[in-house]
């Protein structure tokens, strides 16, 4: 009887200890997704023409990655840091630089994207936001401007973006 009582006490303690160790240093799944940001982007000219066939390079202090712009001018970019500085460079189909801009990502109470007079993009996201839709416009001078891609913003096909994806 004493042996069964020991098992009744030791087994739950062992399970509790093992479950606690498995979680040390590991973020819960809900929090892990909040550490990175995805961007649904539309690239176009000032006249509204899409920049299909282009490529985008995003560079941080630790590295860079390329993303192809689809035939409809859209690109889906994931794994971005939720705060910090990025350099976005847009290349034409011949791999010549079309434009570049520095983006500053930060968290705040609202979602916003603006371009300052000196051509720097400021993107603010809420803590509970995992994806943001952005519109990048290439000006005739070769500068890029950034703004939110809202439901009322025309897309290449006259349809607003679907919230949460650019499929």
Foldseek 3Di string as FASTA:
>chain_A
DVVVVCCVVVVVVVVVVVVVVVPVPPDPPLVVLLQKAKEKEAEEAPVQHAQALKKKWKADPVGIDIWHQHPQRITIGIRHGQFDKIKIWIAHNVRHTLEIEIETHEEDDDFWWWADPVQHIYTYHHSNHRYFYKYWYQYPVSGITITGQDQPHQGSVRGGADPPDRD
